[in-house]
């Protein structure tokens, strides 16, 4: 029964996170991003937790997938892409004053 809750939480979190993320990109409205931020953040945490349980329950299958050369290469390419995008995002210069203003607004909205 617990696995069913984990699977459904993973599914709903994936839909919520992906749809809110896509809408943030498509609409491009900062106001909408501020409105969706709490939803996006909460379902991000739920996706992470349910994903961790999913990995735990399916670890033997995942290990079997990674034993195949093509799948291991695919996983390595995806991991490299993720690390590269993190590095590019973190290296981007940002105005500290604007960040503090945005954080103030977000904390006000979340409370």
N, C-alpha and C. Protein backbone atom coordinates (compact mmCIF):
# COMPACT_ATOMS: atom_id res chain seq x y z
N UNK A 1 0.83 -1.20 0.00
CA UNK A 1 0.00 0.00 0.00
C UNK A 1 0.87 1.26 0.00
N UNK A 2 1.98 1.23 0.76
CA UNK A 2 2.87 2.38 0.82
C UNK A 2 3.47 2.67 -0.56
N UNK A 3 3.82 1.62 -1.31
CA UNK A 3 4.37 1.79 -2.66
C UNK A 3 3.37 2.49 -3.56
N UNK A 4 2.09 2.21 -3.38
CA UNK A 4 1.06 2.85 -4.20
C UNK A 4 1.00 4.35 -3.90
N UNK A 5 1.10 4.71 -2.61
CA UNK A 5 1.12 6.12 -2.24
C UNK A 5 2.36 6.82 -2.82
N UNK A 6 3.48 6.14 -2.74
CA UNK A 6 4.72 6.70 -3.28
C UNK A 6 4.59 6.92 -4.79
N UNK A 7 4.08 5.93 -5.50
CA UNK A 7 3.94 6.04 -6.95
C UNK A 7 2.99 7.16 -7.34
N UNK A 8 1.86 7.26 -6.65
CA UNK A 8 0.90 8.31 -6.99
C UNK A 8 1.42 9.70 -6.60
N UNK A 9 2.14 9.78 -5.49
CA UNK A 9 2.75 11.05 -5.10
C UNK A 9 3.78 11.47 -6.13
N UNK A 10 4.56 10.51 -6.60
CA UNK A 10 5.56 10.78 -7.63
C UNK A 10 4.90 11.27 -8.91
N UNK A 11 3.83 10.63 -9.32
CA UNK A 11 3.11 11.02 -10.54
C UNK A 11 2.51 12.42 -10.42
N UNK A 12 1.78 12.67 -9.35
CA UNK A 12 1.14 13.98 -9.18
C UNK A 12 2.19 15.08 -9.03
N UNK A 13 3.26 14.80 -8.32
CA UNK A 13 4.33 15.79 -8.15
C UNK A 13 5.00 16.10 -9.49
N UNK A 14 5.21 15.07 -10.29
CA UNK A 14 5.81 15.29 -11.61
C UNK A 14 4.91 16.18 -12.47
N UNK A 15 3.62 15.90 -12.47
CA UNK A 15 2.67 16.71 -13.25
C UNK A 15 2.63 18.15 -12.73
N UNK A 16 2.57 18.31 -11.41
CA UNK A 16 2.50 19.65 -10.82
C UNK A 16 3.78 20.44 -11.10
N UNK A 17 4.91 19.81 -10.91
CA UNK A 17 6.19 20.49 -11.10
C UNK A 17 6.42 20.83 -12.57
N UNK A 18 6.16 19.88 -13.44
CA UNK A 18 6.39 20.14 -14.86
C UNK A 18 5.41 21.16 -15.42
N UNK A 19 4.14 21.06 -15.04
CA UNK A 19 3.16 22.02 -15.57
C UNK A 19 3.41 23.43 -15.03
N UNK A 20 3.74 23.56 -13.77
CA UNK A 20 4.02 24.90 -13.24
C UNK A 20 5.30 25.46 -13.85
N UNK A 21 6.31 24.62 -14.05
CA UNK A 21 7.55 25.08 -14.68
C UNK A 21 7.35 25.50 -16.12
N UNK A 22 6.59 24.71 -16.87
CA UNK A 22 6.32 25.05 -18.27
C UNK A 22 5.50 26.34 -18.35
N UNK A 23 4.51 26.47 -17.49
CA UNK A 23 3.70 27.70 -17.50
C UNK A 23 4.55 28.92 -17.14
N UNK A 24 5.49 28.76 -16.22
CA UNK A 24 6.37 29.88 -15.87
C UNK A 24 7.19 30.31 -17.09
N UNK A 25 7.64 29.34 -17.86
CA UNK A 25 8.44 29.65 -19.05
C UNK A 25 7.57 30.26 -20.14
N UNK A 26 6.44 29.63 -20.43
CA UNK A 26 5.58 30.07 -21.53
C UNK A 26 4.99 31.45 -21.26
N UNK A 27 4.47 31.66 -20.06
CA UNK A 27 3.84 32.93 -19.76
C UNK A 27 4.87 34.04 -19.56
N UNK A 28 6.02 33.69 -19.02
CA UNK A 28 7.10 34.66 -18.84
C UNK A 28 6.76 35.81 -17.91
N UNK A 29 5.69 35.68 -17.17
CA UNK A 29 5.25 36.73 -16.26
C UNK A 29 5.91 36.54 -14.90
N UNK A 30 6.58 37.57 -14.43
CA UNK A 30 7.21 37.49 -13.12
C UNK A 30 6.15 37.35 -12.02
N UNK A 31 5.01 38.01 -12.21
CA UNK A 31 3.91 37.89 -11.25
C UNK A 31 3.46 36.45 -11.12
N UNK A 32 3.31 35.76 -12.27
CA UNK A 32 2.90 34.36 -12.25
C UNK A 32 3.96 33.50 -11.58
N UNK A 33 5.23 33.79 -11.84
CA UNK A 33 6.31 33.04 -11.20
C UNK A 33 6.25 33.17 -9.68
N UNK A 34 5.97 34.36 -9.21
CA UNK A 34 5.85 34.57 -7.77
C UNK A 34 4.65 33.81 -7.19
N UNK A 35 3.55 33.78 -7.96
CA UNK A 35 2.36 33.07 -7.49
C UNK A 35 2.61 31.56 -7.46
N UNK A 36 3.34 31.04 -8.44
CA UNK A 36 3.56 29.59 -8.55
C UNK A 36 4.72 29.10 -7.70
N UNK A 37 5.56 30.01 -7.22
CA UNK A 37 6.76 29.61 -6.48
C UNK A 37 6.47 28.66 -5.31
N UNK A 38 5.50 28.96 -4.44
CA UNK A 38 5.24 28.02 -3.34
C UNK A 38 4.78 26.64 -3.83
N UNK A 39 3.93 26.61 -4.85
CA UNK A 39 3.45 25.34 -5.40
C UNK A 39 4.63 24.56 -5.98
N UNK A 40 5.45 25.25 -6.76
CA UNK A 40 6.59 24.62 -7.42
C UNK A 40 7.57 24.06 -6.37
N UNK A 41 7.79 24.82 -5.32
CA UNK A 41 8.74 24.42 -4.27
C UNK A 41 8.21 23.21 -3.49
N UNK A 42 6.96 23.24 -3.09
CA UNK A 42 6.38 22.14 -2.31
C UNK A 42 6.37 20.84 -3.11
N UNK A 43 5.93 20.92 -4.37
CA UNK A 43 5.90 19.70 -5.17
C UNK A 43 7.30 19.25 -5.58
N UNK A 44 8.26 20.17 -5.59
CA UNK A 44 9.65 19.77 -5.81
C UNK A 44 10.16 18.91 -4.67
N UNK A 45 9.82 19.29 -3.45
CA UNK A 45 10.22 18.50 -2.28
C UNK A 45 9.51 17.14 -2.29
N UNK A 46 8.21 17.14 -2.59
CA UNK A 46 7.47 15.88 -2.67
C UNK A 46 8.01 14.96 -3.75
N UNK A 47 8.37 15.55 -4.91
CA UNK A 47 8.94 14.76 -5.99
C UNK A 47 10.27 14.15 -5.56
N UNK A 48 11.08 14.91 -4.87
CA UNK A 48 12.37 14.42 -4.41
C UNK A 48 12.21 13.27 -3.42
N UNK A 49 11.32 13.45 -2.45
CA UNK A 49 11.11 12.40 -1.45
C UNK A 49 10.52 11.13 -2.06
N UNK A 50 9.49 11.29 -2.87
CA UNK A 50 8.87 10.10 -3.47
C UNK A 50 9.81 9.47 -4.49
N UNK A 51 10.63 10.29 -5.17
CA UNK A 51 11.63 9.74 -6.09
C UNK A 51 12.68 8.92 -5.37
N UNK A 52 13.07 9.38 -4.18
CA UNK A 52 14.05 8.63 -3.39
C UNK A 52 13.48 7.27 -2.96
N UNK A 53 12.23 7.25 -2.53
CA UNK A 53 11.59 5.97 -2.18
C UNK A 53 11.46 5.09 -3.41
N UNK A 54 11.12 5.69 -4.54
CA UNK A 54 10.98 4.93 -5.79
C UNK A 54 12.32 4.29 -6.16
N UNK A 55 13.40 5.04 -6.03
CA UNK A 55 14.73 4.48 -6.30
C UNK A 55 15.06 3.32 -5.35
N UNK A 56 14.69 3.50 -4.09
CA UNK A 56 14.94 2.46 -3.10
C UNK A 56 14.20 1.17 -3.47
N UNK A 57 12.94 1.31 -3.81
CA UNK A 57 12.12 0.13 -4.12
C UNK A 57 12.49 -0.52 -5.45
N UNK A 58 13.09 0.21 -6.35
CA UNK A 58 13.40 -0.31 -7.68
C UNK A 58 14.90 -0.32 -7.97
N UNK A 59 15.71 -0.35 -6.93
CA UNK A 59 17.15 -0.25 -7.11
C UNK A 59 17.72 -1.40 -7.94
N UNK A 60 17.22 -2.59 -7.75
CA UNK A 60 17.77 -3.73 -8.50
C UNK A 60 17.49 -3.59 -10.00
N UNK A 61 16.31 -3.09 -10.35
CA UNK A 61 15.99 -2.87 -11.77
C UNK A 61 16.87 -1.77 -12.36
N UNK A 62 17.09 -0.71 -11.60
CA UNK A 62 17.93 0.39 -12.07
C UNK A 62 19.37 -0.08 -12.27
N UNK A 63 19.85 -0.87 -11.33
CA UNK A 63 21.21 -1.42 -11.46
C UNK A 63 21.31 -2.30 -12.71
N UNK A 64 20.25 -3.03 -12.99
CA UNK A 64 20.22 -3.88 -14.19
C UNK A 64 20.25 -3.01 -15.45
N UNK A 65 19.50 -1.91 -15.46
CA UNK A 65 19.51 -0.99 -16.61
C UNK A 65 20.92 -0.46 -16.84
N UNK A 66 21.58 -0.07 -15.76
CA UNK A 66 22.90 0.54 -15.87
C UNK A 66 23.99 -0.45 -16.24
N UNK A 67 23.69 -1.74 -16.18
CA UNK A 67 24.68 -2.73 -16.59
C UNK A 67 24.81 -2.79 -18.11
N UNK A 68 23.84 -2.21 -18.82
CA UNK A 68 23.90 -2.16 -20.29
C UNK A 68 24.68 -0.92 -20.70
N UNK A 69 25.57 -1.10 -21.63
CA UNK A 69 26.49 -0.03 -22.05
C UNK A 69 25.75 1.22 -22.55
N UNK A 70 24.74 1.04 -23.38
CA UNK A 70 23.99 2.19 -23.92
C UNK A 70 23.31 2.98 -22.81
N UNK A 71 22.71 2.28 -21.87
CA UNK A 71 22.01 2.96 -20.78
C UNK A 71 22.98 3.67 -19.85
N UNK A 72 24.13 3.07 -19.60
CA UNK A 72 25.14 3.71 -18.77
C UNK A 72 25.64 4.98 -19.46
N UNK A 73 25.87 4.90 -20.77
CA UNK A 73 26.31 6.07 -21.53
C UNK A 73 25.25 7.17 -21.49
N UNK A 74 23.99 6.77 -21.66
CA UNK A 74 22.88 7.73 -21.61
C UNK A 74 22.83 8.42 -20.24
N UNK A 75 22.95 7.64 -19.18
CA UNK A 75 22.92 8.20 -17.82
C UNK A 75 24.10 9.15 -17.61
N UNK A 76 25.24 8.82 -18.15
CA UNK A 76 26.42 9.69 -18.00
C UNK A 76 26.24 11.00 -18.77
N UNK A 77 25.68 10.92 -19.98
CA UNK A 77 25.43 12.13 -20.77
C UNK A 77 24.41 13.02 -20.07
N UNK A 78 23.35 12.44 -19.55
CA UNK A 78 22.33 13.23 -18.84
C UNK A 78 22.91 13.87 -17.58
N UNK A 79 23.75 13.13 -16.86
CA UNK A 79 24.39 13.67 -15.66
C UNK A 79 25.33 14.80 -16.02
N UNK A 80 26.10 14.64 -17.10
CA UNK A 80 26.99 15.70 -17.56
C UNK A 80 26.20 16.95 -17.95
N UNK A 81 25.09 16.75 -18.65
CA UNK A 81 24.23 17.86 -19.04
C UNK A 81 23.70 18.60 -17.81
N UNK A 82 23.25 17.86 -16.82
CA UNK A 82 22.74 18.46 -15.60
C UNK A 82 23.82 19.29 -14.89
N UNK A 83 25.01 18.71 -14.75
CA UNK A 83 26.10 19.41 -14.07
C UNK A 83 26.50 20.66 -14.85
N UNK A 84 26.54 20.56 -16.17
CA UNK A 84 26.89 21.71 -17.01
C UNK A 84 25.87 22.83 -16.85
N UNK A 85 24.59 22.48 -16.87
CA UNK A 85 23.55 23.51 -16.72
C UNK A 85 23.58 24.14 -15.33
N UNK A 86 23.86 23.35 -14.31
CA UNK A 86 24.03 23.92 -12.97
C UNK A 86 25.20 24.90 -12.95
N UNK A 87 26.31 24.52 -13.56
CA UNK A 87 27.50 25.37 -13.58
C UNK A 87 27.23 26.67 -14.32
N UNK A 88 26.55 26.58 -15.46
CA UNK A 88 26.22 27.78 -16.24
C UNK A 88 25.29 28.68 -15.42
N UNK A 89 24.30 28.10 -14.79
CA UNK A 89 23.37 28.88 -13.98
C UNK A 89 24.04 29.54 -12.78
N UNK A 90 24.93 28.83 -12.13
CA UNK A 90 25.61 29.36 -10.95
C UNK A 90 26.64 30.43 -11.32
N UNK A 91 27.18 30.37 -12.54
CA UNK A 91 28.21 31.33 -12.96
C UNK A 91 27.61 32.64 -13.46
N UNK A 92 26.30 32.65 -13.65
CA UNK A 92 25.62 33.84 -14.16
C UNK A 92 25.67 34.96 -13.13
N UNK A 93 26.14 36.15 -13.53
CA UNK A 93 26.18 37.27 -12.57
C UNK A 93 24.77 37.78 -12.25
N UNK A 94 24.53 38.03 -10.97
CA UNK A 94 23.21 38.48 -10.52
C UNK A 94 23.40 39.67 -9.58
N UNK A 95 22.54 40.65 -9.72
CA UNK A 95 22.56 41.84 -8.86
C UNK A 95 22.04 41.46 -7.48
N UNK A 96 22.90 41.56 -6.46
CA UNK A 96 22.56 41.14 -5.09
C UNK A 96 21.39 41.93 -4.50
N UNK A 97 21.31 43.22 -4.81
CA UNK A 97 20.22 44.04 -4.28
C UNK A 97 18.87 43.56 -4.81
N UNK A 98 18.81 43.24 -6.09
CA UNK A 98 17.56 42.76 -6.68
C UNK A 98 17.17 41.41 -6.08
N UNK A 99 18.16 40.57 -5.82
CA UNK A 99 17.88 39.28 -5.21
C UNK A 99 17.26 39.48 -3.83
N UNK A 100 17.80 40.39 -3.04
CA UNK A 100 17.25 40.66 -1.71
C UNK A 100 15.83 41.19 -1.80
N UNK A 101 15.54 42.05 -2.77
CA UNK A 101 14.18 42.56 -2.95
C UNK A 101 13.22 41.42 -3.30
N UNK A 102 13.64 40.54 -4.19
CA UNK A 102 12.80 39.41 -4.60
C UNK A 102 12.58 38.47 -3.42
N UNK A 103 13.63 38.20 -2.63
CA UNK A 103 13.49 37.32 -1.47
C UNK A 103 12.53 37.90 -0.45
N UNK A 104 12.55 39.21 -0.28
CA UNK A 104 11.60 39.86 0.63
C UNK A 104 10.17 39.65 0.15
N UNK A 105 9.95 39.83 -1.14
CA UNK A 105 8.62 39.65 -1.73
C UNK A 105 8.17 38.20 -1.57
N UNK A 106 9.07 37.25 -1.85
CA UNK A 106 8.71 35.84 -1.72
C UNK A 106 8.38 35.45 -0.29
N UNK A 107 9.15 35.94 0.66
CA UNK A 107 8.85 35.62 2.06
C UNK A 107 7.52 36.20 2.50
N UNK A 108 7.18 37.38 1.98
CA UNK A 108 5.89 37.98 2.29
C UNK A 108 4.74 37.15 1.70
N UNK A 109 4.93 36.70 0.46
CA UNK A 109 3.89 35.91 -0.20
C UNK A 109 3.69 34.55 0.45
N UNK A 110 4.78 33.93 0.92
CA UNK A 110 4.69 32.59 1.49
C UNK A 110 4.08 32.60 2.88
N UNK A 111 4.11 33.74 3.58
CA UNK A 111 3.55 33.77 4.93
C UNK A 111 2.12 34.22 4.95
